[in-house]
Amino acid sequence: AKTVVLLTVAALSYGVACLAFRIEEANRIWKLCGQFIMRRVNLL
């Protein structure tokens, strides 16, 4: 029974880590896109 609990906790923490990494990645891409768009707007 203990192994099942350990596996569940491991899977959950792994999922949370992946989610956090994805959000971090998305934020970086979003900022890059925002800067690019702002530059384009400034050029117009």
PDB file of N, CA and C in Angstrom:
ATOM      1  N   ALA A   1       0.852  -1.204   0.000  1.00  0.00           N
ATOM      2  CA  ALA A   1       0.000   0.000   0.000  1.00  0.00           C
ATOM      3  C   ALA A   1       0.885   1.252   0.000  1.00  0.00           C
ATOM      4  N   LYS A   2       1.999   1.167   0.744  1.00  0.00           N
ATOM      5  CA  LYS A   2       2.899   2.326   0.823  1.00  0.00           C
ATOM      6  C   LYS A   2       3.460   2.692  -0.545  1.00  0.00           C
ATOM      7  N   THR A   3       3.810   1.672  -1.334  1.00  0.00           N
ATOM      8  CA  THR A   3       4.391   1.952  -2.657  1.00  0.00           C
ATOM      9  C   THR A   3       3.400   2.698  -3.539  1.00  0.00           C
ATOM     10  N   VAL A   4       2.114   2.338  -3.430  1.00  0.00           N
ATOM     11  CA  VAL A   4       1.086   3.016  -4.232  1.00  0.00           C
ATOM     12  C   VAL A   4       1.033   4.492  -3.860  1.00  0.00           C
ATOM     13  N   VAL A   5       1.077   4.770  -2.557  1.00  0.00           N
ATOM     14  CA  VAL A   5       1.035   6.159  -2.087  1.00  0.00           C
ATOM     15  C   VAL A   5       2.259   6.912  -2.595  1.00  0.00           C
ATOM     16  N   LEU A   6       3.430   6.269  -2.481  1.00  0.00           N
ATOM     17  CA  LEU A   6       4.671   6.898  -2.937  1.00  0.00           C
ATOM     18  C   LEU A   6       4.604   7.198  -4.426  1.00  0.00           C
ATOM     19  N   LEU A   7       4.108   6.234  -5.197  1.00  0.00           N
ATOM     20  CA  LEU A   7       3.993   6.416  -6.648  1.00  0.00           C
ATOM     21  C   LEU A   7       3.039   7.562  -6.975  1.00  0.00           C
ATOM     22  N   THR A   8       1.924   7.615  -6.253  1.00  0.00           N
ATOM     23  CA  THR A   8       0.947   8.679  -6.489  1.00  0.00           C
ATOM     24  C   THR A   8       1.560  10.044  -6.200  1.00  0.00           C
ATOM     25  N   VAL A   9       2.256  10.141  -5.064  1.00  0.00           N
ATOM     26  CA  VAL A   9       2.897  11.409  -4.685  1.00  0.00           C
ATOM     27  C   VAL A   9       3.938  11.795  -5.732  1.00  0.00           C
ATOM     28  N   ALA A  10       4.728  10.813  -6.177  1.00  0.00           N
ATOM     29  CA  ALA A  10       5.763  11.070  -7.185  1.00  0.00           C
ATOM     30  C   ALA A  10       5.129  11.565  -8.480  1.00  0.00           C
ATOM     31  N   ALA A  11       4.059  10.899  -8.907  1.00  0.00           N
ATOM     32  CA  ALA A  11       3.377  11.275 -10.149  1.00  0.00           C
ATOM     33  C   ALA A  11       2.804  12.688 -10.038  1.00  0.00           C
ATOM     34  N   LEU A  12       2.207  12.996  -8.890  1.00  0.00           N
ATOM     35  CA  LEU A  12       1.617  14.319  -8.690  1.00  0.00           C
ATOM     36  C   LEU A  12       2.681  15.410  -8.718  1.00  0.00           C
ATOM     37  N   SER A  13       3.779  15.187  -7.992  1.00  0.00           N
ATOM     38  CA  SER A  13       4.841  16.193  -7.956  1.00  0.00           C
ATOM     39  C   SER A  13       5.459  16.362  -9.342  1.00  0.00           C
ATOM     40  N   TYR A  14       5.562  15.254 -10.089  1.00  0.00           N
ATOM     41  CA  TYR A  14       6.098  15.313 -11.452  1.00  0.00           C
ATOM     42  C   TYR A  14       5.173  16.146 -12.338  1.00  0.00           C
ATOM     43  N   GLY A  15       3.869  15.913 -12.197  1.00  0.00           N
ATOM     44  CA  GLY A  15       2.884  16.657 -12.977  1.00  0.00           C
ATOM     45  C   GLY A  15       2.936  18.140 -12.653  1.00  0.00           C
ATOM     46  N   VAL A  16       3.047  18.460 -11.368  1.00  0.00           N
ATOM     47  CA  VAL A  16       3.114  19.861 -10.943  1.00  0.00           C
ATOM     48  C   VAL A  16       4.372  20.517 -11.499  1.00  0.00           C
ATOM     49  N   ALA A  17       5.495  19.778 -11.446  1.00  0.00           N
ATOM     50  CA  ALA A  17       6.757  20.304 -11.966  1.00  0.00           C
ATOM     51  C   ALA A  17       6.635  20.586 -13.459  1.00  0.00           C
ATOM     52  N   CYS A  18       6.033  19.670 -14.196  1.00  0.00           N
ATOM     53  CA  CYS A  18       5.841  19.840 -15.643  1.00  0.00           C
ATOM     54  C   CYS A  18       4.972  21.061 -15.910  1.00  0.00           C
ATOM     55  N   LEU A  19       3.896  21.194 -15.139  1.00  0.00           N
ATOM     56  CA  LEU A  19       2.972  22.305 -15.307  1.00  0.00           C
ATOM     57  C   LEU A  19       3.696  23.628 -15.056  1.00  0.00           C
ATOM     58  N   ALA A  20       4.475  23.686 -13.968  1.00  0.00           N
ATOM     59  CA  ALA A  20       5.212  24.900 -13.627  1.00  0.00           C
ATOM     60  C   ALA A  20       6.189  25.243 -14.747  1.00  0.00           C
ATOM     61  N   PHE A  21       6.866  24.215 -15.277  1.00  0.00           N
ATOM     62  CA  PHE A  21       7.832  24.437 -16.355  1.00  0.00           C
ATOM     63  C   PHE A  21       7.128  24.954 -17.602  1.00  0.00           C
ATOM     64  N   ARG A  22       5.968  24.376 -17.903  1.00  0.00           N
ATOM     65  CA  ARG A  22       5.209  24.795 -19.090  1.00  0.00           C
ATOM     66  C   ARG A  22       4.763  26.248 -18.951  1.00  0.00           C
ATOM     67  N   ILE A  23       4.295  26.611 -17.753  1.00  0.00           N
ATOM     68  CA  ILE A  23       3.835  27.982 -17.515  1.00  0.00           C
ATOM     69  C   ILE A  23       5.009  28.944 -17.675  1.00  0.00           C
ATOM     70  N   GLU A  24       6.168  28.547 -17.111  1.00  0.00           N
ATOM     71  CA  GLU A  24       7.378  29.361 -17.213  1.00  0.00           C
ATOM     72  C   GLU A  24       7.729  29.576 -18.678  1.00  0.00           C
ATOM     73  N   GLU A  25       7.719  28.466 -19.423  1.00  0.00           N
ATOM     74  CA  GLU A  25       8.046  28.500 -20.851  1.00  0.00           C
ATOM     75  C   GLU A  25       7.057  29.391 -21.599  1.00  0.00           C
ATOM     76  N   ALA A  26       5.771  29.217 -21.301  1.00  0.00           N
ATOM     77  CA  ALA A  26       4.728  29.997 -21.967  1.00  0.00           C
ATOM     78  C   ALA A  26       4.903  31.487 -21.677  1.00  0.00           C
ATOM     79  N   ASN A  27       5.239  31.811 -20.418  1.00  0.00           N
ATOM     80  CA  ASN A  27       5.437  33.216 -20.054  1.00  0.00           C
ATOM     81  C   ASN A  27       6.580  33.821 -20.846  1.00  0.00           C
ATOM     82  N   ARG A  28       7.668  33.043 -21.009  1.00  0.00           N
ATOM     83  CA  ARG A  28       8.829  33.547 -21.732  1.00  0.00           C
ATOM     84  C   ARG A  28       8.469  33.804 -23.197  1.00  0.00           C
ATOM     85  N   ILE A  29       7.780  32.843 -23.799  1.00  0.00           N
ATOM     86  CA  ILE A  29       7.377  32.980 -25.205  1.00  0.00           C
ATOM     87  C   ILE A  29       6.428  34.171 -25.360  1.00  0.00           C
ATOM     88  N   TRP A  30       5.497  34.301 -24.396  1.00  0.00           N
ATOM     89  CA  TRP A  30       4.522  35.389 -24.430  1.00  0.00           C
ATOM     90  C   TRP A  30       5.232  36.735 -24.374  1.00  0.00           C
ATOM     91  N   LYS A  31       6.258  36.847 -23.493  1.00  0.00           N
ATOM     92  CA  LYS A  31       7.007  38.100 -23.363  1.00  0.00           C
ATOM     93  C   LYS A  31       7.754  38.404 -24.649  1.00  0.00           C
ATOM     94  N   LEU A  32       8.372  37.376 -25.237  1.00  0.00           N
ATOM     95  CA  LEU A  32       9.106  37.565 -26.494  1.00  0.00           C
ATOM     96  C   LEU A  32       8.162  38.061 -27.579  1.00  0.00           C
ATOM     97  N   CYS A  33       6.996  37.441 -27.688  1.00  0.00           N
ATOM     98  CA  CYS A  33       6.002  37.837 -28.694  1.00  0.00           C
ATOM     99  C   CYS A  33       5.557  39.271 -28.432  1.00  0.00           C
ATOM    100  N   GLY A  34       5.339  39.601 -27.176  1.00  0.00           N
ATOM    101  CA  GLY A  34       4.906  40.945 -26.806  1.00  0.00           C
ATOM    102  C   GLY A  34       5.935  41.986 -27.222  1.00  0.00           C
ATOM    103  N   GLN A  35       7.218  41.713 -26.946  1.00  0.00           N
ATOM    104  CA  GLN A  35       8.289  42.636 -27.323  1.00  0.00           C
ATOM    105  C   GLN A  35       8.321  42.809 -28.830  1.00  0.00           C
ATOM    106  N   PHE A  36       8.192  41.697 -29.547  1.00  0.00           N
ATOM    107  CA  PHE A  36       8.230  41.717 -31.010  1.00  0.00           C
ATOM    108  C   PHE A  36       7.087  42.567 -31.559  1.00  0.00           C
ATOM    109  N   ILE A  37       5.886  42.360 -31.009  1.00  0.00           N
ATOM    110  CA  ILE A  37       4.707  43.108 -31.459  1.00  0.00           C
ATOM    111  C   ILE A  37       4.880  44.596 -31.145  1.00  0.00           C
ATOM    112  N   MET A  38       5.412  44.901 -29.957  1.00  0.00           N
ATOM    113  CA  MET A  38       5.607  46.297 -29.576  1.00  0.00           C
ATOM    114  C   MET A  38       6.579  46.975 -30.534  1.00  0.00           C
ATOM    115  N   ARG A  39       7.633  46.264 -30.913  1.00  0.00           N
ATOM    116  CA  ARG A  39       8.608  46.830 -31.855  1.00  0.00           C
ATOM    117  C   ARG A  39       7.938  47.109 -33.195  1.00  0.00           C
ATOM    118  N   ARG A  40       7.120  46.150 -33.636  1.00  0.00           N
ATOM    119  CA  ARG A  40       6.413  46.318 -34.922  1.00  0.00           C
ATOM    120  C   ARG A  40       5.506  47.550 -34.853  1.00  0.00           C
ATOM    121  N   VAL A  41       4.780  47.673 -33.749  1.00  0.00           N
ATOM    122  CA  VAL A  41       3.855  48.804 -33.590  1.00  0.00           C
ATOM    123  C   VAL A  41       4.637  50.114 -33.584  1.00  0.00           C
ATOM    124  N   ASN A  42       5.789  50.120 -32.901  1.00  0.00           N
ATOM    125  CA  ASN A  42       6.602  51.339 -32.830  1.00  0.00           C
ATOM    126  C   ASN A  42       7.130  51.725 -34.205  1.00  0.00           C
ATOM    127  N   LEU A  43       7.406  50.730 -35.047  1.00  0.00           N
ATOM    128  CA  LEU A  43       7.927  51.012 -36.386  1.00  0.00           C
ATOM    129  C   LEU A  43       6.871  51.663 -37.270  1.00  0.00           C
ATOM    130  N   LEU A  44       5.598  51.345 -37.022  1.00  0.00           N
ATOM    131  CA  LEU A  44       4.535  51.849 -37.906  1.00  0.00           C
ATOM    132  C   LEU A  44       4.329  53.351 -37.795  1.00  0.00           C
TER     133      LEU A  44
END
